[in-house]
Amino acid sequence: MSRRKLPHVPVVVDWEAVGRRIRELRGFDTTQQVFAGRIGVSQNYLSAMEHGKVQIGAEILLQISSEYGRSLEWLLTGKS
């Protein structure tokens, strides 16, 4: 029995949109320093994430998802 090979469809992540969703989670009453500490990154790295300047690793995305009760799908796509 042969397996049918599915076509490769590249997945493109809009890191600027991901950064906007992270900024939305942080809200106006939490500083970057506090938020960064809660997810285990530096304030500078959080700033780069919020501005879409870095590709965020799975470990950090999982930490944000766990800490703030949002799905990975929402973080990456904006869809619930």
PDB file of N, CA and C in Angstrom:
ATOM      1  N   MET A   1       0.846  -1.175   0.000  1.00  0.00           N
ATOM      2  CA  MET A   1       0.000   0.000   0.000  1.00  0.00           C
ATOM      3  C   MET A   1       0.893   1.241   0.000  1.00  0.00           C
ATOM      4  N   SER A   2       0.738   2.079  -0.966  1.00  0.00           N
ATOM      5  CA  SER A   2       1.571   3.286  -1.036  1.00  0.00           C
ATOM      6  C   SER A   2       0.851   4.456  -0.375  1.00  0.00           C
ATOM      7  N   ARG A   3       1.649   5.315   0.180  1.00  0.00           N
ATOM      8  CA  ARG A   3       1.078   6.510   0.809  1.00  0.00           C
ATOM      9  C   ARG A   3       1.033   7.638  -0.198  1.00  0.00           C
ATOM     10  N   ARG A   4      -0.038   8.351  -0.158  1.00  0.00           N
ATOM     11  CA  ARG A   4      -0.186   9.504  -1.029  1.00  0.00           C
ATOM     12  C   ARG A   4       0.517  10.685  -0.396  1.00  0.00           C
ATOM     13  N   LYS A   5       1.377  11.315  -1.122  1.00  0.00           N
ATOM     14  CA  LYS A   5       2.115  12.452  -0.598  1.00  0.00           C
ATOM     15  C   LYS A   5       1.285  13.720  -0.764  1.00  0.00           C
ATOM     16  N   LEU A   6       1.091  14.402   0.345  1.00  0.00           N
ATOM     17  CA  LEU A   6       0.332  15.652   0.308  1.00  0.00           C
ATOM     18  C   LEU A   6       1.228  16.780  -0.161  1.00  0.00           C
ATOM     19  N   PRO A   7       0.671  17.731  -0.883  1.00  0.00           N
ATOM     20  CA  PRO A   7       1.501  18.854  -1.330  1.00  0.00           C
ATOM     21  C   PRO A   7       1.956  19.691  -0.146  1.00  0.00           C
ATOM     22  N   HIS A   8       3.174  20.185  -0.221  1.00  0.00           N
ATOM     23  CA  HIS A   8       3.713  21.036   0.848  1.00  0.00           C
ATOM     24  C   HIS A   8       3.157  22.446   0.684  1.00  0.00           C
ATOM     25  N   VAL A   9       2.486  22.905   1.721  1.00  0.00           N
ATOM     26  CA  VAL A   9       1.936  24.262   1.713  1.00  0.00           C
ATOM     27  C   VAL A   9       2.676  25.043   2.792  1.00  0.00           C
ATOM     28  N   PRO A  10       3.475  26.018   2.400  1.00  0.00           N
ATOM     29  CA  PRO A  10       4.221  26.774   3.411  1.00  0.00           C
ATOM     30  C   PRO A  10       3.278  27.582   4.307  1.00  0.00           C
ATOM     31  N   VAL A  11       3.607  27.607   5.573  1.00  0.00           N
ATOM     32  CA  VAL A  11       2.831  28.380   6.535  1.00  0.00           C
ATOM     33  C   VAL A  11       3.599  29.667   6.813  1.00  0.00           C
ATOM     34  N   VAL A  12       2.927  30.771   6.633  1.00  0.00           N
ATOM     35  CA  VAL A  12       3.555  32.062   6.866  1.00  0.00           C
ATOM     36  C   VAL A  12       2.910  32.690   8.095  1.00  0.00           C
ATOM     37  N   VAL A  13       3.734  33.046   9.055  1.00  0.00           N
ATOM     38  CA  VAL A  13       3.233  33.672  10.278  1.00  0.00           C
ATOM     39  C   VAL A  13       3.471  35.175  10.171  1.00  0.00           C
ATOM     40  N   ASP A  14       2.447  35.938  10.416  1.00  0.00           N
ATOM     41  CA  ASP A  14       2.555  37.398  10.443  1.00  0.00           C
ATOM     42  C   ASP A  14       2.990  37.801  11.851  1.00  0.00           C
ATOM     43  N   TRP A  15       4.305  37.942  12.050  1.00  0.00           N
ATOM     44  CA  TRP A  15       4.845  38.207  13.382  1.00  0.00           C
ATOM     45  C   TRP A  15       4.432  39.575  13.912  1.00  0.00           C
ATOM     46  N   GLU A  16       4.158  40.540  13.031  1.00  0.00           N
ATOM     47  CA  GLU A  16       3.663  41.840  13.502  1.00  0.00           C
ATOM     48  C   GLU A  16       2.279  41.686  14.112  1.00  0.00           C
ATOM     49  N   ALA A  17       1.427  40.873  13.489  1.00  0.00           N
ATOM     50  CA  ALA A  17       0.082  40.628  14.029  1.00  0.00           C
ATOM     51  C   ALA A  17       0.170  39.856  15.344  1.00  0.00           C
ATOM     52  N   VAL A  18       1.085  38.896  15.433  1.00  0.00           N
ATOM     53  CA  VAL A  18       1.289  38.166  16.681  1.00  0.00           C
ATOM     54  C   VAL A  18       1.698  39.148  17.770  1.00  0.00           C
ATOM     55  N   GLY A  19       2.614  40.052  17.437  1.00  0.00           N
ATOM     56  CA  GLY A  19       3.060  41.068  18.388  1.00  0.00           C
ATOM     57  C   GLY A  19       1.926  41.957  18.866  1.00  0.00           C
ATOM     58  N   ARG A  20       1.027  42.315  17.949  1.00  0.00           N
ATOM     59  CA  ARG A  20      -0.129  43.135  18.338  1.00  0.00           C
ATOM     60  C   ARG A  20      -1.026  42.375  19.310  1.00  0.00           C
ATOM     61  N   ARG A  21      -1.198  41.067  19.084  1.00  0.00           N
ATOM     62  CA  ARG A  21      -2.027  40.279  20.001  1.00  0.00           C
ATOM     63  C   ARG A  21      -1.357  40.158  21.371  1.00  0.00           C
ATOM     64  N   ILE A  22      -0.041  40.022  21.389  1.00  0.00           N
ATOM     65  CA  ILE A  22       0.673  39.984  22.670  1.00  0.00           C
ATOM     66  C   ILE A  22       0.506  41.317  23.388  1.00  0.00           C
ATOM     67  N   ARG A  23       0.629  42.402  22.664  1.00  0.00           N
ATOM     68  CA  ARG A  23       0.440  43.741  23.258  1.00  0.00           C
ATOM     69  C   ARG A  23      -0.974  43.871  23.811  1.00  0.00           C
ATOM     70  N   GLU A  24      -1.942  43.345  23.085  1.00  0.00           N
ATOM     71  CA  GLU A  24      -3.336  43.363  23.540  1.00  0.00           C
ATOM     72  C   GLU A  24      -3.481  42.584  24.854  1.00  0.00           C
ATOM     73  N   LEU A  25      -2.839  41.429  24.944  1.00  0.00           N
ATOM     74  CA  LEU A  25      -2.891  40.640  26.179  1.00  0.00           C
ATOM     75  C   LEU A  25      -2.276  41.398  27.345  1.00  0.00           C
ATOM     76  N   ARG A  26      -1.179  42.091  27.079  1.00  0.00           N
ATOM     77  CA  ARG A  26      -0.484  42.829  28.143  1.00  0.00           C
ATOM     78  C   ARG A  26      -1.367  43.918  28.706  1.00  0.00           C
ATOM     79  N   GLY A  27      -2.168  44.539  27.871  1.00  0.00           N
ATOM     80  CA  GLY A  27      -3.060  45.594  28.322  1.00  0.00           C
ATOM     81  C   GLY A  27      -2.316  46.865  28.704  1.00  0.00           C
ATOM     82  N   PHE A  28      -3.049  47.836  29.195  1.00  0.00           N
ATOM     83  CA  PHE A  28      -2.465  49.133  29.531  1.00  0.00           C
ATOM     84  C   PHE A  28      -1.999  49.218  30.974  1.00  0.00           C
ATOM     85  N   ASP A  29      -2.453  48.296  31.810  1.00  0.00           N
ATOM     86  CA  ASP A  29      -2.095  48.378  33.227  1.00  0.00           C
ATOM     87  C   ASP A  29      -0.911  47.491  33.609  1.00  0.00           C
ATOM     88  N   THR A  30      -0.326  46.776  32.642  1.00  0.00           N
ATOM     89  CA  THR A  30       0.841  45.936  32.912  1.00  0.00           C
ATOM     90  C   THR A  30       2.021  46.457  32.106  1.00  0.00           C
ATOM     91  N   THR A  31       3.126  46.714  32.784  1.00  0.00           N
ATOM     92  CA  THR A  31       4.314  47.204  32.080  1.00  0.00           C
ATOM     93  C   THR A  31       4.977  46.053  31.318  1.00  0.00           C
ATOM     94  N   GLN A  32       5.797  46.431  30.349  1.00  0.00           N
ATOM     95  CA  GLN A  32       6.563  45.420  29.620  1.00  0.00           C
ATOM     96  C   GLN A  32       7.449  44.639  30.584  1.00  0.00           C
ATOM     97  N   GLN A  33       8.035  45.314  31.565  1.00  0.00           N
ATOM     98  CA  GLN A  33       8.929  44.664  32.518  1.00  0.00           C
ATOM     99  C   GLN A  33       8.195  43.567  33.296  1.00  0.00           C
ATOM    100  N   VAL A  34       6.992  43.850  33.769  1.00  0.00           N
ATOM    101  CA  VAL A  34       6.211  42.880  34.538  1.00  0.00           C
ATOM    102  C   VAL A  34       5.782  41.716  33.644  1.00  0.00           C
ATOM    103  N   PHE A  35       5.253  42.035  32.470  1.00  0.00           N
ATOM    104  CA  PHE A  35       4.804  40.993  31.534  1.00  0.00           C
ATOM    105  C   PHE A  35       5.973  40.100  31.146  1.00  0.00           C
ATOM    106  N   ALA A  36       7.098  40.712  30.815  1.00  0.00           N
ATOM    107  CA  ALA A  36       8.287  39.956  30.410  1.00  0.00           C
ATOM    108  C   ALA A  36       8.720  39.004  31.525  1.00  0.00           C
ATOM    109  N   GLY A  37       8.700  39.469  32.758  1.00  0.00           N
ATOM    110  CA  GLY A  37       9.062  38.624  33.882  1.00  0.00           C
ATOM    111  C   GLY A  37       8.128  37.435  34.035  1.00  0.00           C
ATOM    112  N   ARG A  38       6.845  37.653  33.774  1.00  0.00           N
ATOM    113  CA  ARG A  38       5.863  36.569  33.908  1.00  0.00           C
ATOM    114  C   ARG A  38       6.057  35.483  32.859  1.00  0.00           C
ATOM    115  N   ILE A  39       6.597  35.843  31.682  1.00  0.00           N
ATOM    116  CA  ILE A  39       6.784  34.838  30.631  1.00  0.00           C
ATOM    117  C   ILE A  39       8.249  34.430  30.475  1.00  0.00           C
ATOM    118  N   GLY A  40       9.137  34.998  31.297  1.00  0.00           N
ATOM    119  CA  GLY A  40      10.521  34.562  31.318  1.00  0.00           C
ATOM    120  C   GLY A  40      11.420  35.092  30.218  1.00  0.00           C
ATOM    121  N   VAL A  41      11.153  36.333  29.762  1.00  0.00           N
ATOM    122  CA  VAL A  41      12.018  36.966  28.765  1.00  0.00           C
ATOM    123  C   VAL A  41      12.424  38.345  29.264  1.00  0.00           C
ATOM    124  N   SER A  42      13.378  38.964  28.590  1.00  0.00           N
ATOM    125  CA  SER A  42      13.775  40.323  28.959  1.00  0.00           C
ATOM    126  C   SER A  42      12.769  41.329  28.407  1.00  0.00           C
ATOM    127  N   GLN A  43      12.779  42.514  28.983  1.00  0.00           N
ATOM    128  CA  GLN A  43      11.899  43.588  28.502  1.00  0.00           C
ATOM    129  C   GLN A  43      12.250  43.947  27.058  1.00  0.00           C
ATOM    130  N   ASN A  44      13.538  43.943  26.725  1.00  0.00           N
ATOM    131  CA  ASN A  44      13.958  44.268  25.350  1.00  0.00           C
ATOM    132  C   ASN A  44      13.430  43.237  24.355  1.00  0.00           C
ATOM    133  N   TYR A  45      13.481  41.969  24.744  1.00  0.00           N
ATOM    134  CA  TYR A  45      12.982  40.922  23.850  1.00  0.00           C
ATOM    135  C   TYR A  45      11.467  41.031  23.687  1.00  0.00           C
ATOM    136  N   LEU A  46      10.758  41.320  24.769  1.00  0.00           N
ATOM    137  CA  LEU A  46       9.311  41.514  24.687  1.00  0.00           C
ATOM    138  C   LEU A  46       8.992  42.662  23.744  1.00  0.00           C
ATOM    139  N   SER A  47       9.729  43.744  23.834  1.00  0.00           N
ATOM    140  CA  SER A  47       9.519  44.874  22.934  1.00  0.00           C
ATOM    141  C   SER A  47       9.697  44.453  21.479  1.00  0.00           C
ATOM    142  N   ALA A  48      10.749  43.675  21.206  1.00  0.00           N
ATOM    143  CA  ALA A  48      10.981  43.179  19.841  1.00  0.00           C
ATOM    144  C   ALA A  48       9.831  42.276  19.390  1.00  0.00           C
ATOM    145  N   MET A  49       9.304  41.449  20.305  1.00  0.00           N
ATOM    146  CA  MET A  49       8.169  40.581  19.971  1.00  0.00           C
ATOM    147  C   MET A  49       6.944  41.422  19.629  1.00  0.00           C
ATOM    148  N   GLU A  50       6.660  42.419  20.465  1.00  0.00           N
ATOM    149  CA  GLU A  50       5.470  43.246  20.253  1.00  0.00           C
ATOM    150  C   GLU A  50       5.551  44.033  18.944  1.00  0.00           C
ATOM    151  N   HIS A  51       6.753  44.317  18.478  1.00  0.00           N
ATOM    152  CA  HIS A  51       6.937  45.056  17.228  1.00  0.00           C
ATOM    153  C   HIS A  51       7.129  44.136  16.021  1.00  0.00           C
ATOM    154  N   GLY A  52       7.023  42.820  16.229  1.00  0.00           N
ATOM    155  CA  GLY A  52       7.128  41.870  15.127  1.00  0.00           C
ATOM    156  C   GLY A  52       8.525  41.740  14.557  1.00  0.00           C
ATOM    157  N   LYS A  53       9.526  42.051  15.348  1.00  0.00           N
ATOM    158  CA  LYS A  53      10.907  42.032  14.859  1.00  0.00           C
ATOM    159  C   LYS A  53      11.605  40.688  15.045  1.00  0.00           C
ATOM    160  N   VAL A  54      10.971  39.747  15.754  1.00  0.00           N
ATOM    161  CA  VAL A  54      11.562  38.424  15.988  1.00  0.00           C
ATOM    162  C   VAL A  54      10.520  37.341  15.747  1.00  0.00           C
ATOM    163  N   GLN A  55      11.014  36.161  15.390  1.00  0.00           N
ATOM    164  CA  GLN A  55      10.159  34.986  15.322  1.00  0.00           C
ATOM    165  C   GLN A  55      10.164  34.365  16.714  1.00  0.00           C
ATOM    166  N   ILE A  56       9.009  34.225  17.291  1.00  0.00           N
ATOM    167  CA  ILE A  56       8.901  33.787  18.682  1.00  0.00           C
ATOM    168  C   ILE A  56       8.898  32.269  18.732  1.00  0.00           C
ATOM    169  N   GLY A  57       9.725  31.716  19.597  1.00  0.00           N
ATOM    170  CA  GLY A  57       9.822  30.268  19.741  1.00  0.00           C
ATOM    171  C   GLY A  57       8.613  29.656  20.415  1.00  0.00           C
ATOM    172  N   ALA A  58       8.472  28.365  20.205  1.00  0.00           N
ATOM    173  CA  ALA A  58       7.329  27.626  20.751  1.00  0.00           C
ATOM    174  C   ALA A  58       7.264  27.703  22.272  1.00  0.00           C
ATOM    175  N   GLU A  59       8.414  27.631  22.933  1.00  0.00           N
ATOM    176  CA  GLU A  59       8.428  27.646  24.399  1.00  0.00           C
ATOM    177  C   GLU A  59       7.820  28.945  24.943  1.00  0.00           C
ATOM    178  N   ILE A  60       8.167  30.062  24.340  1.00  0.00           N
ATOM    179  CA  ILE A  60       7.632  31.359  24.788  1.00  0.00           C
ATOM    180  C   ILE A  60       6.149  31.461  24.458  1.00  0.00           C
ATOM    181  N   LEU A  61       5.757  31.025  23.256  1.00  0.00           N
ATOM    182  CA  LEU A  61       4.341  31.056  22.893  1.00  0.00           C
ATOM    183  C   LEU A  61       3.517  30.185  23.840  1.00  0.00           C
ATOM    184  N   LEU A  62       4.057  29.023  24.208  1.00  0.00           N
ATOM    185  CA  LEU A  62       3.353  28.157  25.166  1.00  0.00           C
ATOM    186  C   LEU A  62       3.250  28.819  26.534  1.00  0.00           C
ATOM    187  N   GLN A  63       4.297  29.507  26.948  1.00  0.00           N
ATOM    188  CA  GLN A  63       4.269  30.199  28.234  1.00  0.00           C
ATOM    189  C   GLN A  63       3.202  31.306  28.231  1.00  0.00           C
ATOM    190  N   ILE A  64       3.143  32.083  27.163  1.00  0.00           N
ATOM    191  CA  ILE A  64       2.124  33.143  27.055  1.00  0.00           C
ATOM    192  C   ILE A  64       0.735  32.516  27.064  1.00  0.00           C
ATOM    193  N   SER A  65       0.553  31.457  26.292  1.00  0.00           N
ATOM    194  CA  SER A  65      -0.734  30.770  26.213  1.00  0.00           C
ATOM    195  C   SER A  65      -1.180  30.284  27.588  1.00  0.00           C
ATOM    196  N   SER A  66      -0.261  29.674  28.307  1.00  0.00           N
ATOM    197  CA  SER A  66      -0.569  29.137  29.631  1.00  0.00           C
ATOM    198  C   SER A  66      -0.835  30.254  30.645  1.00  0.00           C
ATOM    199  N   GLU A  67       0.017  31.252  30.653  1.00  0.00           N
ATOM    200  CA  GLU A  67      -0.064  32.345  31.634  1.00  0.00           C
ATOM    201  C   GLU A  67      -1.320  33.197  31.456  1.00  0.00           C
ATOM    202  N   TYR A  68      -1.743  33.390  30.192  1.00  0.00           N
ATOM    203  CA  TYR A  68      -2.848  34.312  29.921  1.00  0.00           C
ATOM    204  C   TYR A  68      -4.109  33.645  29.379  1.00  0.00           C
ATOM    205  N   GLY A  69      -4.117  32.297  29.335  1.00  0.00           N
ATOM    206  CA  GLY A  69      -5.343  31.579  28.977  1.00  0.00           C
ATOM    207  C   GLY A  69      -5.812  31.786  27.554  1.00  0.00           C
ATOM    208  N   ARG A  70      -4.881  31.984  26.648  1.00  0.00           N
ATOM    209  CA  ARG A  70      -5.223  32.117  25.225  1.00  0.00           C
ATOM    210  C   ARG A  70      -4.612  30.970  24.456  1.00  0.00           C
ATOM    211  N   SER A  71      -5.302  30.512  23.419  1.00  0.00           N
ATOM    212  CA  SER A  71      -4.804  29.375  22.645  1.00  0.00           C
ATOM    213  C   SER A  71      -3.633  29.794  21.753  1.00  0.00           C
ATOM    214  N   LEU A  72      -2.813  28.805  21.412  1.00  0.00           N
ATOM    215  CA  LEU A  72      -1.735  29.063  20.458  1.00  0.00           C
ATOM    216  C   LEU A  72      -2.306  29.518  19.121  1.00  0.00           C
ATOM    217  N   GLU A  73      -3.432  28.922  18.736  1.00  0.00           N
ATOM    218  CA  GLU A  73      -4.067  29.313  17.473  1.00  0.00           C
ATOM    219  C   GLU A  73      -4.411  30.806  17.494  1.00  0.00           C
ATOM    220  N   TRP A  74      -4.961  31.288  18.600  1.00  0.00           N
ATOM    221  CA  TRP A  74      -5.300  32.712  18.680  1.00  0.00           C
ATOM    222  C   TRP A  74      -4.035  33.562  18.606  1.00  0.00           C
ATOM    223  N   LEU A  75      -2.995  33.164  19.329  1.00  0.00           N
ATOM    224  CA  LEU A  75      -1.749  33.931  19.298  1.00  0.00           C
ATOM    225  C   LEU A  75      -1.192  34.014  17.881  1.00  0.00           C
ATOM    226  N   LEU A  76      -1.224  32.900  17.153  1.00  0.00           N
ATOM    227  CA  LEU A  76      -0.614  32.852  15.834  1.00  0.00           C
ATOM    228  C   LEU A  76      -1.512  33.372  14.707  1.00  0.00           C
ATOM    229  N   THR A  77      -2.826  33.202  14.858  1.00  0.00           N
ATOM    230  CA  THR A  77      -3.716  33.549  13.733  1.00  0.00           C
ATOM    231  C   THR A  77      -4.793  34.572  14.078  1.00  0.00           C
ATOM    232  N   GLY A  78      -5.054  34.754  15.367  1.00  0.00           N
ATOM    233  CA  GLY A  78      -6.144  35.638  15.761  1.00  0.00           C
ATOM    234  C   GLY A  78      -7.497  34.943  15.789  1.00  0.00           C
ATOM    235  N   LYS A  79      -7.514  33.655  15.452  1.00  0.00           N
ATOM    236  CA  LYS A  79      -8.756  32.881  15.436  1.00  0.00           C
ATOM    237  C   LYS A  79      -8.844  32.021  16.697  1.00  0.00           C
ATOM    238  N   SER A  80     -10.042  31.909  17.235  1.00  0.00           N
ATOM    239  CA  SER A  80     -10.234  31.106  18.455  1.00  0.00           C
ATOM    240  C   SER A  80     -10.172  29.639  18.163  1.00  0.00           C
TER     241      SER A  80
END
